[in-house]
Amino acid sequence: MDVGDFPELINGGMGVAVSNWKLARVVSMLGQGGVVSGTALNVLLARRLQDGDSGGHMRRALEYFPFPSIAQQIMDRYFIEGGRKPGQQYKLTPLPQLNAGRDFNSLCVAANFAEVFLAKEGHGGFVGINYLEKIQFPHPSSLFGAMLAGADAIFIGAGLPDAIPNVLESLVQYSPAKYPINVESALAGEKFYETFDPNELMKEGGKIPSSISKPFFVPIIGGHLAGMVLLDRTNGRVDAFDVEDRVSGGHNSPPRKKPMELSALGEPVYGIKDEINFEKIRALGKPFWLAGGYGSREGFLKAKSLGARGVVVGTALALSTDSGLREDYRRQLVIRALEGKAEVLNDPLASPAGFPFRVVKLEGTLSEEGVYSSREKVCDLGFLRTAYRKPDGNVGYRCPAEPEADFLRKGGKLEEIAGRKCICNGLISSAGAPQLLSEGRYEPGIVTLGADYPKIVEFCRNGNPDYNAERVINIILGKEN
């Protein structure tokens, strides 16, 4: 595939498993760009297996995994025939941390392989995978797994992923890859890297392809300045851009004006400097898609008029019957939109990562103060932990959403704690795999959608809250009213 063959519409790589392999496969088979979310796939693989692997999809993917001994070890560790017993907690997976070791890397490789393999199974359409740059430790091993399965493109944002092209170049040659890790309080000139050597896996035996293809590199940016920096730092090794406006779901860039101003609703106030300069985006000389509020027929036509290849569709597909969002959440959210009660807030405090994070109001989730305040704090997944340098030179990890005493003991500041939510557990719960807590309750979910959430009613035929991805795509492309 050449960049000129890029599809006009791609689905956003949303949340944890909202853009799962099923949604990406449907979108791709409809001739568009299917994109899976690459976040926390190692945890999801382990939990899907512990839930009995309904349909046998994970086991089928692992049968094609090039390292059968590793696949068997994962099966032995996590698979439960018939699923967990009532009251049985999920077995935890290794925490992401600097050079976490073989078990962590092997699970990441296998999980990313499985998700992309299933999304591509049985057709030749475009399938990409989406990562968050700020979740750095899994990158090298995750990328290798996705590449083994033939991922066509790597979409990555929430930071400046300028090191990705070098990692891809190393992995396509089956050479050791290293990814620079941000470590707070690091000394001047001190560097930290996550390292991954595919040859260590090859020692396990198996049949790997004699060669693998290097996927397209598509950074997610909020404006032309980030694009210029990436083109400069990567020597132009960028294939396309995903240009994301501030009304999109998930993490958003903070306003450029400091200190941050908040609206009467408590949302960050964006100004003229935060608006996208499309003339300068076009001047970058790369194909681009527009994301954030463009998931409609009107948005698609506008994007094309601005010179975009097409659009990234998030919210409308997240609430389709093909998405990986928990069915009870999905249906409630569509019904709320149909009743004119759709509410979504760009919360400046919710995410431990420090980025504004768009949270949907939904009963029983972390969007409710009572649910948030009654949750027992625990940090057992660790994807959004910040790495910091200890006085002895070793690397520690802390998160403002972890137990307060732990965070303060590690050098965190009290003012960083207020309002921080466990996005890791919340998003995995919303994907249908909530951990059972010690007091017998389940981890509450959290849902993120774009600011255009109320507009999804245009995809509901005669008020029916159930619509599929094909209807969304057809309406946006003008094939259906």
Protein backbone atom coordinates (compact mmCIF):
# COMPACT_ATOMS: atom_id res chain seq x y z
CA MET A 1 0.00 0.00 0.00
CA ASP A 2 1.15 3.52 -0.82
CA VAL A 3 0.17 6.66 1.07
CA GLY A 4 -2.01 7.54 -1.89
CA ASP A 5 -4.11 4.47 -1.11
CA PHE A 6 -4.95 5.54 2.44
CA PRO A 7 -8.69 5.20 3.18
CA GLU A 8 -10.83 8.30 3.59
CA LEU A 9 -12.30 7.21 6.89
CA ILE A 10 -10.63 5.53 9.85
CA ASN A 11 -12.00 4.72 13.25
CA GLY A 12 -10.36 6.31 16.26
CA GLY A 13 -8.17 4.05 18.41
CA MET A 14 -10.42 4.66 21.38
CA GLY A 15 -10.02 3.91 25.08
CA VAL A 16 -9.18 0.42 26.22
CA ALA A 17 -10.74 -2.03 23.75
CA VAL A 18 -13.54 0.31 22.68
CA SER A 19 -11.78 0.12 19.32
CA ASN A 20 -11.25 -3.60 19.64
CA TRP A 21 -10.41 -6.09 16.92
CA LYS A 22 -14.08 -6.64 16.08
CA LEU A 23 -14.79 -2.98 15.34
CA ALA A 24 -11.54 -2.54 13.38
CA ARG A 25 -12.27 -5.66 11.34
CA VAL A 26 -15.76 -4.45 10.42
CA VAL A 27 -14.50 -1.00 9.41
CA SER A 28 -11.65 -2.47 7.38
CA MET A 29 -13.88 -4.97 5.60
CA LEU A 30 -16.12 -2.05 4.59
CA GLY A 31 -13.16 -0.63 2.68
CA GLN A 32 -12.09 1.92 5.27
CA GLY A 33 -9.33 2.08 7.89
CA GLY A 34 -9.79 -0.17 10.89
CA VAL A 35 -7.70 0.85 13.89
CA VAL A 36 -7.42 -1.09 17.16
CA SER A 37 -6.56 0.50 20.47
CA GLY A 38 -3.15 -0.73 21.63
CA THR A 39 -3.65 0.37 25.25
CA ALA A 40 -3.43 -2.33 27.95
CA LEU A 41 -3.73 -5.21 25.49
CA ASN A 42 -1.53 -7.37 27.72
CA VAL A 43 -4.05 -7.03 30.56
CA LEU A 44 -6.99 -7.64 28.24
CA LEU A 45 -5.50 -10.82 26.77
CA ALA A 46 -4.91 -12.20 30.26
CA ARG A 47 -8.43 -11.30 31.43
CA ARG A 48 -10.16 -12.57 28.32
CA LEU A 49 -8.43 -15.91 28.86
CA GLN A 50 -9.38 -15.95 32.54
CA ASP A 51 -12.99 -15.33 31.53
CA GLY A 52 -12.90 -18.49 29.43
CA ASP A 53 -12.23 -16.85 26.04
CA SER A 54 -15.79 -16.85 24.73
CA GLY A 55 -15.76 -17.76 21.05
CA GLY A 56 -12.18 -19.03 21.30
CA HIS A 57 -10.79 -15.98 19.52
CA MET A 58 -7.76 -15.39 21.77
CA ARG A 59 -6.82 -19.06 21.61
CA ARG A 60 -7.18 -19.08 17.83
CA ALA A 61 -4.89 -16.07 17.53
CA LEU A 62 -2.34 -17.65 19.86
CA GLU A 63 -2.32 -20.76 17.66
CA TYR A 64 -0.91 -18.55 14.90
CA PHE A 65 1.56 -16.76 17.20
CA PRO A 66 5.07 -17.45 15.85
CA PHE A 67 6.35 -18.51 19.30
CA PRO A 68 4.25 -21.51 20.37
CA SER A 69 6.14 -22.12 23.61
CA ILE A 70 5.37 -18.57 24.75
CA ALA A 71 1.74 -18.96 23.71
CA GLN A 72 1.51 -22.14 25.77
CA GLN A 73 3.07 -20.46 28.80
CA ILE A 74 0.48 -17.67 28.56
CA MET A 75 -2.30 -20.23 28.27
CA ASP A 76 -0.97 -22.16 31.27
CA ARG A 77 -0.76 -19.01 33.35
CA TYR A 78 -4.07 -17.35 32.50
CA PHE A 79 -6.60 -19.56 30.70
CA ILE A 80 -9.50 -20.88 32.79
CA GLU A 81 -11.82 -23.34 31.09
CA GLY A 82 -15.36 -22.03 31.52
CA GLY A 83 -14.11 -18.79 33.09
CA ARG A 84 -13.46 -17.62 36.64
CA LYS A 85 -15.60 -18.84 39.49
CA PRO A 86 -17.98 -16.35 41.18
CA GLY A 87 -16.02 -14.13 43.54
CA GLN A 88 -12.67 -15.00 41.94
CA GLN A 89 -10.40 -12.04 41.21
CA TYR A 90 -8.38 -11.69 38.04
CA LYS A 91 -4.77 -12.76 38.30
CA LEU A 92 -2.69 -9.62 37.85
CA THR A 93 -0.22 -9.14 35.03
CA PRO A 94 3.33 -7.75 35.41
CA LEU A 95 3.35 -4.00 36.02
CA PRO A 96 4.77 -1.78 33.28
CA GLN A 97 8.12 -0.45 34.44
CA LEU A 98 11.62 0.13 33.15
CA ASN A 99 12.88 -3.08 31.51
CA ALA A 100 10.22 -5.15 33.27
CA GLY A 101 11.57 -8.37 31.82
CA ARG A 102 10.65 -11.44 29.82
CA ASP A 103 7.13 -12.13 31.14
CA PHE A 104 6.00 -8.54 30.56
CA ASN A 105 7.53 -8.34 27.10
CA SER A 106 6.25 -11.74 25.99
CA LEU A 107 2.70 -10.92 27.05
CA CYS A 108 2.84 -7.55 25.26
CA VAL A 109 4.14 -9.14 22.04
CA ALA A 110 1.50 -11.87 22.12
CA ALA A 111 -1.38 -9.54 23.01
CA ASN A 112 -0.60 -7.00 20.29
CA PHE A 113 -0.12 -9.80 17.78
CA ALA A 114 -3.48 -11.31 18.71
CA GLU A 115 -5.44 -8.06 18.43
CA VAL A 116 -4.02 -7.13 15.03
CA PHE A 117 -4.20 -10.71 13.75
CA LEU A 118 -7.90 -10.95 14.57
CA ALA A 119 -8.62 -7.53 13.06
CA LYS A 120 -6.93 -8.59 9.80
CA GLU A 121 -8.20 -12.16 9.71
CA GLY A 122 -9.88 -13.20 6.48
CA HIS A 123 -9.45 -10.02 4.42
CA GLY A 124 -6.80 -7.71 2.99
CA GLY A 125 -8.02 -4.35 4.27
CA PHE A 126 -6.18 -1.57 6.09
CA VAL A 127 -5.64 -2.21 9.83
CA GLY A 128 -3.66 0.08 12.10
CA ILE A 129 -3.03 0.23 15.83
CA ASN A 130 -3.15 3.24 18.14
CA TYR A 131 -0.84 3.91 21.10
CA LEU A 132 -0.39 6.64 23.69
CA GLU A 133 3.16 7.97 23.73
CA LYS A 134 2.96 8.69 27.46
CA ILE A 135 2.51 4.94 28.18
CA GLN A 136 6.10 4.31 27.19
CA PHE A 137 7.31 1.07 28.72
CA PRO A 138 5.31 -1.33 26.49
CA HIS A 139 6.17 0.40 23.20
CA PRO A 140 9.05 -1.70 21.80
CA SER A 141 7.54 -5.11 22.59
CA SER A 142 4.01 -4.02 21.65
CA LEU A 143 5.17 -2.65 18.31
CA PHE A 144 6.96 -5.90 17.54
CA GLY A 145 3.83 -7.92 18.22
CA ALA A 146 1.73 -5.67 15.99
CA MET A 147 4.33 -5.86 13.22
CA LEU A 148 4.45 -9.66 13.40
CA ALA A 149 0.70 -9.64 12.69
CA GLY A 150 1.11 -7.25 9.74
CA ALA A 151 -0.15 -3.94 11.14
CA ASP A 152 -0.39 -1.43 8.31
CA ALA A 153 0.08 1.73 10.36
CA ILE A 154 1.07 2.96 13.80
CA PHE A 155 -1.02 5.85 15.14
CA ILE A 156 0.45 7.43 18.26
CA GLY A 157 -0.23 10.62 20.19
CA ALA A 158 -0.36 12.16 23.67
CA GLY A 159 3.23 13.31 23.36
CA LEU A 160 5.91 13.71 20.71
CA PRO A 161 6.70 10.19 19.49
CA ASP A 162 9.85 11.14 17.61
CA ALA A 163 11.66 7.95 18.67
CA ILE A 164 9.14 5.61 17.02
CA PRO A 165 10.72 5.58 13.51
CA ASN A 166 14.04 4.36 14.92
CA VAL A 167 12.29 1.64 16.90
CA LEU A 168 10.38 0.50 13.81
CA GLU A 169 13.59 0.44 11.79
CA SER A 170 15.31 -1.72 14.41
CA LEU A 171 12.42 -4.13 14.78
CA VAL A 172 11.90 -4.64 11.05
CA GLN A 173 15.52 -5.89 11.00
CA TYR A 174 14.95 -8.07 14.10
CA SER A 175 17.51 -5.92 15.89
CA PRO A 176 17.45 -4.69 19.51
CA ALA A 177 15.32 -1.58 19.94
CA LYS A 178 15.38 1.03 22.66
CA TYR A 179 12.87 3.72 23.55
CA PRO A 180 13.80 6.82 25.59
CA ILE A 181 11.86 7.02 28.86
CA ASN A 182 10.87 10.27 30.53
CA VAL A 183 12.12 10.18 34.12
CA GLU A 184 11.35 13.07 36.45
CA SER A 185 14.30 14.53 38.40
CA ALA A 186 16.82 12.86 36.09
CA LEU A 187 20.25 14.48 36.29
CA ALA A 188 21.57 16.60 33.44
CA GLY A 189 22.71 14.30 30.67
CA GLU A 190 21.23 11.22 32.33
CA LYS A 191 19.32 8.96 29.91
CA PHE A 192 16.94 6.08 30.53
CA TYR A 193 15.79 3.60 27.88
CA GLU A 194 13.31 0.77 27.60
CA THR A 195 15.10 -1.96 25.67
CA PHE A 196 13.71 -4.92 23.78
CA ASP A 197 15.60 -7.51 21.77
CA PRO A 198 13.49 -9.72 19.45
CA ASN A 199 16.31 -12.23 19.46
CA GLU A 200 15.53 -13.10 23.07
CA LEU A 201 12.11 -14.32 21.95
CA MET A 202 13.61 -16.17 19.04
CA LYS A 203 15.57 -18.28 21.50
CA GLU A 204 12.19 -19.74 22.50
CA GLY A 205 11.95 -21.40 19.09
CA GLY A 206 9.14 -21.12 16.62
CA LYS A 207 8.76 -20.02 13.03
CA ILE A 208 8.94 -16.29 12.47
CA PRO A 209 8.61 -14.69 9.03
CA SER A 210 11.88 -14.29 7.16
CA SER A 211 10.96 -10.61 6.96
CA ILE A 212 8.26 -8.30 8.28
CA SER A 213 6.98 -5.04 6.83
CA LYS A 214 7.51 -1.69 8.46
CA PRO A 215 4.13 -0.04 9.12
CA PHE A 216 3.34 3.55 8.24
CA PHE A 217 4.11 6.03 11.00
CA VAL A 218 1.18 8.36 11.70
CA PRO A 219 1.67 10.71 14.67
CA ILE A 220 -1.40 12.29 16.26
CA ILE A 221 -0.88 16.03 16.58
CA GLY A 222 -2.87 19.01 17.78
CA GLY A 223 -1.38 21.57 15.40
CA HIS A 224 1.31 22.39 12.86
CA LEU A 225 4.03 23.15 15.42
CA ALA A 226 4.07 19.56 16.66
CA GLY A 227 4.14 18.39 13.06
CA MET A 228 7.14 20.59 12.26
CA VAL A 229 9.03 19.30 15.31
CA LEU A 230 8.33 15.68 14.40
CA LEU A 231 9.40 16.14 10.80
CA ASP A 232 12.62 17.76 11.98
CA ARG A 233 13.46 15.21 14.69
CA THR A 234 12.65 12.18 12.54
CA ASN A 235 14.36 13.48 9.39
CA GLY A 236 10.98 13.53 7.69
CA ARG A 237 10.18 9.86 8.36
CA VAL A 238 6.49 10.63 8.89
CA ASP A 239 4.00 9.09 6.47
CA ALA A 240 0.86 11.00 7.46
CA PHE A 241 -0.68 12.95 10.34
CA ASP A 242 -3.79 12.47 12.42
CA VAL A 243 -4.70 16.08 13.28
CA GLU A 244 -6.86 16.13 16.39
CA ASP A 245 -8.98 19.06 17.51
CA ARG A 246 -9.63 19.77 21.19
CA VAL A 247 -13.21 18.51 21.15
CA SER A 248 -12.12 14.88 20.78
CA GLY A 249 -12.59 12.25 23.45
CA GLY A 250 -9.90 10.96 25.77
CA HIS A 251 -6.84 13.04 26.57
CA ASN A 252 -6.60 16.51 25.07
CA SER A 253 -3.73 18.95 24.89
CA PRO A 254 -3.97 21.67 27.55
CA PRO A 255 -4.47 25.29 26.46
CA ARG A 256 -1.26 27.06 25.47
CA LYS A 257 -2.13 30.05 27.65
CA LYS A 258 -0.74 29.77 31.18
CA PRO A 259 -2.04 29.65 33.82
CA MET A 260 -4.97 27.58 32.63
CA GLU A 261 -8.33 29.35 32.76
CA LEU A 262 -11.51 27.41 33.48
CA SER A 263 -15.03 28.03 32.27
CA ALA A 264 -18.08 28.22 34.52
CA LEU A 265 -18.46 24.45 34.00
CA GLY A 266 -14.86 23.85 35.10
CA GLU A 267 -13.50 23.06 31.65
CA PRO A 268 -10.22 24.42 30.23
CA VAL A 269 -10.70 27.54 28.11
CA TYR A 270 -8.98 27.41 24.73
CA GLY A 271 -8.02 30.51 22.77
CA ILE A 272 -6.98 31.62 19.32
CA LYS A 273 -3.48 30.20 19.77
CA ASP A 274 -5.01 26.75 20.24
CA GLU A 275 -6.88 26.79 16.93
CA ILE A 276 -5.55 24.63 14.11
CA ASN A 277 -3.90 26.53 11.26
CA PHE A 278 -4.89 24.43 8.29
CA GLU A 279 -2.78 26.35 5.83
CA LYS A 280 0.30 25.41 7.84
CA ILE A 281 -0.93 21.83 8.27
CA ARG A 282 -1.16 21.52 4.49
CA ALA A 283 2.31 23.06 4.20
CA LEU A 284 3.75 20.10 6.15
CA GLY A 285 3.40 18.19 2.88
CA LYS A 286 1.95 15.00 4.31
CA PRO A 287 -1.49 13.40 3.94
CA PHE A 288 -3.63 14.02 7.01
CA TRP A 289 -6.93 13.04 8.56
CA LEU A 290 -8.96 15.34 10.80
CA ALA A 291 -10.21 14.11 14.15
CA GLY A 292 -12.37 15.60 16.87
CA GLY A 293 -15.83 16.72 15.78
CA TYR A 294 -15.54 15.56 12.15
CA GLY A 295 -17.47 12.29 12.51
CA SER A 296 -20.50 13.36 10.45
CA ARG A 297 -21.37 13.95 6.81
CA GLU A 298 -20.94 17.68 7.34
CA GLY A 299 -17.63 17.16 9.11
CA PHE A 300 -16.35 14.88 6.36
CA LEU A 301 -17.15 17.41 3.64
CA LYS A 302 -15.51 20.17 5.67
CA ALA A 303 -12.38 18.09 6.19
CA LYS A 304 -12.11 17.39 2.47
CA SER A 305 -12.50 21.09 1.70
CA LEU A 306 -9.61 21.80 4.07
CA GLY A 307 -7.34 19.43 2.14
CA ALA A 308 -7.61 16.41 4.43
CA ARG A 309 -7.43 12.87 3.12
CA GLY A 310 -10.49 12.18 5.24
CA VAL A 311 -11.65 11.92 8.84
CA VAL A 312 -11.16 9.95 12.01
CA VAL A 313 -14.49 8.82 13.44
CA GLY A 314 -14.57 8.22 17.17
CA THR A 315 -17.70 8.84 19.22
CA ALA A 316 -20.24 7.63 16.65
CA LEU A 317 -18.41 4.32 16.26
CA ALA A 318 -17.76 4.00 19.99
CA LEU A 319 -21.53 3.95 20.52
CA SER A 320 -22.26 1.58 17.63
CA THR A 321 -23.18 -2.03 18.26
CA ASP A 322 -19.82 -3.09 16.79
CA SER A 323 -17.70 -1.34 19.44
CA GLY A 324 -16.04 -2.94 22.44
CA LEU A 325 -17.72 -0.66 24.97
CA ARG A 326 -19.72 -2.49 27.61
CA GLU A 327 -23.19 -3.07 26.17
CA ASP A 328 -25.03 -1.68 29.22
CA TYR A 329 -22.97 1.50 29.07
CA ARG A 330 -23.30 1.83 25.30
CA ARG A 331 -27.07 1.52 25.29
CA GLN A 332 -27.58 3.85 28.25
CA LEU A 333 -25.42 6.48 26.60
CA VAL A 334 -27.28 6.37 23.29
CA ILE A 335 -30.62 6.52 25.09
CA ARG A 336 -29.42 9.54 27.07
CA ALA A 337 -28.50 11.25 23.81
CA LEU A 338 -31.91 10.46 22.34
CA GLU A 339 -33.53 11.97 25.46
CA GLY A 340 -31.44 15.13 25.14
CA LYS A 341 -29.48 14.30 28.31
CA ALA A 342 -26.01 13.71 26.85
CA GLU A 343 -23.38 15.31 29.09
CA VAL A 344 -19.62 15.28 28.69
CA LEU A 345 -17.06 17.38 30.58
CA ASN A 346 -13.46 18.12 29.64
CA ASP A 347 -12.10 17.49 33.13
CA PRO A 348 -8.72 19.16 33.79
CA LEU A 349 -8.04 16.96 36.84
CA ALA A 350 -9.38 13.48 36.10
CA SER A 351 -6.32 11.96 34.44
CA PRO A 352 -3.18 11.19 36.45
CA ALA A 353 -1.26 12.05 33.27
CA GLY A 354 -2.03 15.75 33.76
CA PHE A 355 -3.80 16.18 30.42
CA PRO A 356 -7.43 17.33 30.32
CA PHE A 357 -9.59 14.22 29.92
CA ARG A 358 -13.13 14.25 28.56
CA VAL A 359 -15.47 12.35 30.93
CA VAL A 360 -19.07 11.35 30.18
CA LYS A 361 -21.67 11.67 32.91
CA LEU A 362 -23.12 8.21 33.51
CA GLU A 363 -24.71 6.72 36.59
CA GLY A 364 -22.54 4.25 38.48
CA THR A 365 -19.25 5.39 36.95
CA LEU A 366 -16.37 7.50 38.23
CA SER A 367 -18.11 10.55 36.75
CA GLU A 368 -20.22 10.58 39.93
CA GLU A 369 -18.62 12.11 43.00
CA GLY A 370 -20.10 9.46 45.28
CA VAL A 371 -18.68 6.61 43.22
CA TYR A 372 -15.29 8.30 42.96
CA SER A 373 -15.02 9.12 46.67
CA SER A 374 -16.15 5.67 47.86
CA ARG A 375 -13.67 3.73 45.70
CA GLU A 376 -10.80 2.18 47.61
CA LYS A 377 -7.64 3.49 45.98
CA VAL A 378 -5.37 0.86 44.51
CA CYS A 379 -2.70 1.00 41.80
CA ASP A 380 -2.48 -2.52 40.40
CA LEU A 381 -2.18 -1.77 36.66
CA GLY A 382 0.22 1.16 36.59
CA PHE A 383 0.02 2.33 32.99
CA LEU A 384 -0.18 6.03 33.88
CA ARG A 385 2.43 5.98 36.61
CA THR A 386 5.21 8.54 36.29
CA ALA A 387 8.79 7.34 36.44
CA TYR A 388 11.04 9.38 38.74
CA ARG A 389 14.67 9.24 39.79
CA LYS A 390 15.24 8.23 43.39
CA PRO A 391 18.10 9.79 45.37
CA ASP A 392 20.05 6.54 44.99
CA GLY A 393 19.82 6.75 41.19
CA ASN A 394 17.25 3.99 40.77
CA VAL A 395 13.89 4.58 39.11
CA GLY A 396 10.67 4.69 41.11
CA TYR A 397 7.04 4.97 40.03
CA ARG A 398 4.19 7.06 41.40
CA CYS A 399 0.66 8.06 40.45
CA PRO A 400 -1.53 10.78 42.00
CA ALA A 401 -4.49 8.37 41.82
CA GLU A 402 -2.75 5.71 43.94
CA PRO A 403 -3.21 5.55 47.76
CA GLU A 404 -2.39 9.01 49.07
CA ALA A 405 0.21 7.88 51.61
CA ASP A 406 2.12 5.95 48.94
CA PHE A 407 2.15 8.90 46.56
CA LEU A 408 3.38 11.35 49.20
CA ARG A 409 6.01 8.91 50.46
CA LYS A 410 7.41 8.77 46.92
CA GLY A 411 7.81 12.53 46.73
CA GLY A 412 4.46 13.42 45.20
CA LYS A 413 2.80 16.70 46.16
CA LEU A 414 -0.50 16.91 48.02
CA GLU A 415 -1.94 19.44 45.56
CA GLU A 416 -1.51 16.91 42.71
CA ILE A 417 -3.97 14.44 44.23
CA ALA A 418 -7.34 16.24 44.20
CA GLY A 419 -9.76 14.91 41.59
CA ARG A 420 -7.39 12.35 40.08
CA LYS A 421 -9.19 9.21 38.96
CA CYS A 422 -7.90 5.72 38.24
CA ILE A 423 -8.24 5.92 34.47
CA CYS A 424 -6.45 2.57 34.04
CA ASN A 425 -8.97 0.51 36.00
CA GLY A 426 -11.87 2.70 34.90
CA LEU A 427 -11.31 2.18 31.17
CA ILE A 428 -10.68 -1.55 31.53
CA SER A 429 -13.92 -1.82 33.50
CA SER A 430 -15.73 -0.01 30.68
CA ALA A 431 -14.34 -2.62 28.30
CA GLY A 432 -16.12 -5.31 30.32
CA ALA A 433 -13.25 -6.68 32.39
CA PRO A 434 -13.54 -4.99 35.83
CA GLN A 435 -11.43 -6.29 38.68
CA LEU A 436 -13.27 -7.61 41.73
CA LEU A 437 -12.31 -5.47 44.73
CA SER A 438 -11.58 -6.76 48.22
CA GLU A 439 -14.93 -5.61 49.61
CA GLY A 440 -16.84 -7.59 46.99
CA ARG A 441 -17.55 -4.71 44.63
CA TYR A 442 -16.22 -4.30 41.11
CA GLU A 443 -13.99 -1.53 39.86
CA PRO A 444 -16.25 1.26 38.56
CA GLY A 445 -15.91 2.28 34.95
CA ILE A 446 -15.24 5.60 33.31
CA VAL A 447 -16.36 6.54 29.80
CA THR A 448 -14.79 9.09 27.50
CA LEU A 449 -16.40 10.46 24.34
CA GLY A 450 -15.96 13.55 22.19
CA ALA A 451 -17.83 16.80 22.70
CA ASP A 452 -19.98 15.85 19.68
CA TYR A 453 -21.55 13.02 21.71
CA PRO A 454 -25.06 14.60 21.62
CA LYS A 455 -24.98 14.53 17.81
CA ILE A 456 -24.87 10.74 17.51
CA VAL A 457 -28.68 10.74 17.36
CA GLU A 458 -28.38 11.32 13.60
CA PHE A 459 -27.27 7.69 13.25
CA CYS A 460 -30.29 6.35 15.17
CA ARG A 461 -33.06 5.31 12.77
CA ASN A 462 -36.50 6.20 14.19
CA GLY A 463 -35.10 6.57 17.69
CA ASN A 464 -33.56 3.10 17.75
CA PRO A 465 -30.49 3.16 20.08
CA ASP A 466 -28.90 0.27 18.18
CA TYR A 467 -27.02 1.20 15.02
CA ASN A 468 -23.98 -0.45 13.50
CA ALA A 469 -20.66 0.76 12.13
CA GLU A 470 -21.78 0.26 8.54
CA ARG A 471 -24.59 2.78 8.99
CA VAL A 472 -22.18 5.33 10.44
CA ILE A 473 -19.75 4.94 7.56
CA ASN A 474 -22.47 5.04 4.91
CA ILE A 475 -24.01 8.22 6.31
CA ILE A 476 -20.66 9.99 6.60
CA LEU A 477 -19.66 9.01 3.06
CA GLY A 478 -23.04 10.04 1.67
CA LYS A 479 -24.20 6.53 0.75
CA GLU A 480 -27.16 6.54 3.12
CA ASN A 481 -29.46 9.10 4.72
